[in-house]
Protein backbone atom coordinates (compact mmCIF):
# COMPACT_ATOMS: atom_id res chain seq x y z
CA MET A 1 -16.00 1.17 -14.08
CA ASN A 2 -19.41 1.89 -12.58
CA PHE A 3 -19.51 4.87 -10.22
CA ASP A 4 -22.43 4.59 -7.82
CA LEU A 5 -21.89 7.46 -5.40
CA VAL A 6 -24.16 6.08 -2.68
CA THR A 7 -22.37 2.72 -2.69
CA ILE A 8 -18.94 4.36 -2.69
CA LEU A 9 -19.82 6.62 0.24
CA LEU A 10 -21.47 3.79 2.20
CA GLN A 11 -18.42 1.55 1.72
CA LEU A 12 -16.15 4.42 2.76
CA ILE A 13 -18.18 5.14 5.90
CA VAL A 14 -18.15 1.46 6.92
CA ASN A 15 -14.40 1.25 6.20
CA VAL A 16 -13.69 4.35 8.28
CA LEU A 17 -15.81 3.20 11.23
CA VAL A 18 -14.32 -0.30 11.31
CA ASN A 19 -10.77 1.05 11.05
CA LEU A 20 -11.40 3.67 13.74
CA ILE A 21 -12.66 0.97 16.10
CA PHE A 22 -10.06 -1.70 15.36
CA VAL A 23 -6.91 0.09 14.12
CA ALA A 24 -6.76 3.35 16.08
CA PRO A 25 -6.37 1.80 19.57
CA PHE A 26 -3.50 -0.43 18.46
CA LEU A 27 -1.82 2.45 16.66
CA TRP A 28 -2.19 4.63 19.74
CA ILE A 29 -0.71 1.94 22.04
CA ALA A 30 2.28 1.49 19.70
CA GLY A 31 2.66 5.26 19.44
CA ARG A 32 2.65 5.62 23.22
CA LEU A 33 5.31 2.92 23.51
CA LEU A 34 7.64 4.48 20.95
CA ALA A 35 6.74 8.18 20.67
CA GLY A 36 5.78 8.81 24.28
CA LYS A 37 3.50 11.73 25.13
CA ASN A 38 3.54 12.92 21.50
CA ALA A 39 1.13 10.10 20.65
CA LYS A 40 -2.37 11.18 21.54
CA PHE A 41 -5.45 9.04 20.92
CA THR A 42 -7.04 11.81 18.86
CA ASP A 43 -3.92 11.83 16.66
CA ALA A 44 -4.31 8.08 16.14
CA LEU A 45 -7.92 8.68 15.16
CA TRP A 46 -6.86 11.34 12.61
CA ILE A 47 -4.16 9.07 11.18
CA VAL A 48 -6.64 6.25 10.72
CA LEU A 49 -9.36 8.52 9.34
CA ILE A 50 -7.17 10.28 6.77
CA GLY A 51 -5.22 7.11 5.95
CA THR A 52 -8.40 5.12 5.39
CA VAL A 53 -9.94 7.75 3.11
CA VAL A 54 -6.74 8.11 1.07
CA PHE A 55 -6.26 4.33 0.88
CA TYR A 56 -9.89 3.79 -0.13
CA PHE A 57 -9.77 6.25 -3.02
CA PHE A 58 -6.31 5.11 -4.14
CA ASN A 59 -7.51 1.53 -4.06
CA TYR A 60 -10.85 2.25 -5.70
CA PHE A 61 -9.69 4.46 -8.55
CA LEU A 62 -6.02 3.70 -9.20
CA THR A 63 -5.95 -0.08 -8.93
CA ASP A 64 -8.85 -0.36 -11.37
CA ALA A 65 -7.15 2.00 -13.82
CA LEU A 66 -3.65 0.55 -13.43
CA SER A 67 -2.36 -2.96 -13.84
CA GLY A 68 0.70 -5.02 -13.03
CA PHE A 69 3.72 -3.18 -11.71
CA ALA A 70 1.88 0.15 -11.51
CA VAL A 71 -0.42 -1.29 -8.82
CA LEU A 72 2.63 -2.17 -6.74
CA ILE A 73 3.89 1.40 -7.11
CA ALA A 74 0.45 2.69 -6.02
CA TYR A 75 0.57 0.54 -2.88
CA ILE A 76 4.08 1.76 -2.08
CA VAL A 77 2.85 5.35 -2.44
CA MET A 78 -0.02 4.53 -0.05
CA LEU A 79 2.46 3.08 2.46
CA VAL A 80 4.57 6.23 2.28
CA ILE A 81 1.45 8.36 2.81
CA TRP A 82 0.53 6.27 5.87
CA LEU A 83 4.05 6.63 7.28
CA ALA A 84 3.95 10.38 6.59
CA LEU A 85 0.71 10.62 8.57
CA VAL A 86 2.22 8.74 11.51
CA LYS A 87 5.37 10.89 11.26
CA HIS A 88 3.37 14.11 11.21
CA PHE A 89 0.82 13.39 13.93
CA PHE A 90 3.13 11.55 16.33
CA ASP A 91 5.98 14.00 15.71
CA CYS A 92 8.67 11.41 15.00
CA GLY A 93 11.07 10.38 12.24
CA TRP A 94 10.50 8.05 9.32
CA LEU A 95 12.07 5.00 10.97
CA LYS A 96 10.11 5.51 14.17
CA ALA A 97 6.93 5.89 12.11
CA LEU A 98 7.71 2.57 10.42
CA ALA A 99 8.44 0.97 13.80
CA ILE A 100 5.18 2.31 15.24
CA SER A 101 3.24 0.89 12.31
CA ILE A 102 4.90 -2.53 12.61
CA ILE A 103 4.50 -2.65 16.39
CA ALA A 104 0.80 -1.72 16.01
CA VAL A 105 0.30 -4.75 13.75
CA VAL A 106 2.15 -7.01 16.22
CA ILE A 107 0.08 -5.71 19.15
CA ALA A 108 -3.13 -6.21 17.17
CA VAL A 109 -2.22 -9.80 16.29
CA ILE A 110 -1.31 -10.64 19.89
CA ILE A 111 -4.48 -9.12 21.36
CA LEU A 112 -6.71 -10.70 18.72
CA LEU A 113 -5.12 -14.12 19.32
CA ILE A 114 -5.72 -13.74 23.06
CA ILE A 115 -9.35 -12.80 22.43
CA ALA A 116 -9.78 -15.75 20.05
CA PHE A 117 -8.22 -18.11 22.61
CA ILE A 118 -10.52 -16.85 25.37
CA LEU A 119 -13.53 -17.26 23.09
CA ALA A 120 -12.42 -20.81 22.27
CA LEU A 121 -12.03 -21.60 25.98
CA ILE A 122 -15.59 -20.54 26.74
CA GLY A 123 -16.93 -22.51 23.79
CA ILE A 124 -17.35 -19.89 21.12
CA GLY A 125 -15.40 -21.23 18.15
CA THR A 126 -13.71 -18.90 15.72
CA GLY A 127 -13.06 -21.57 13.11
CA TRP A 128 -9.34 -20.95 12.79
CA LEU A 129 -8.21 -21.67 16.34
CA PRO A 130 -8.24 -25.32 17.47
CA ASN A 131 -10.54 -26.33 20.31
CA PRO A 132 -8.33 -26.93 23.38
CA PHE A 133 -10.78 -29.50 24.78
CA ASN A 134 -10.65 -31.87 21.78
CA PHE A 135 -8.15 -34.53 22.77
């Protein structure tokens, strides 16, 4: 395994920025729906920031060192860490943290499909959504 510190840090910074822009708003909306006033946008930013950094290093170091079933265990540990972050910052239980995470994914898919459909309607193709004007 080749450790190039500049590449690792650059990839981490890009990962964090993209996740902060695209994941945090959906997580915050789902948190507001299920956790109420306990879900603050800054908390969603912290969840995404810490979760992304932990996931990146778990993924970078452990999945290269482990193989087979151990990788699955590593991903389960990462999921539990993510749920623990949601539980801690949104001040809720484990099941509500799981529900918030699932609802965030559902909200993201719905909003991204709407955006893709609007882009297709105005003529900007996404490649995976059919053109509604091709009969």
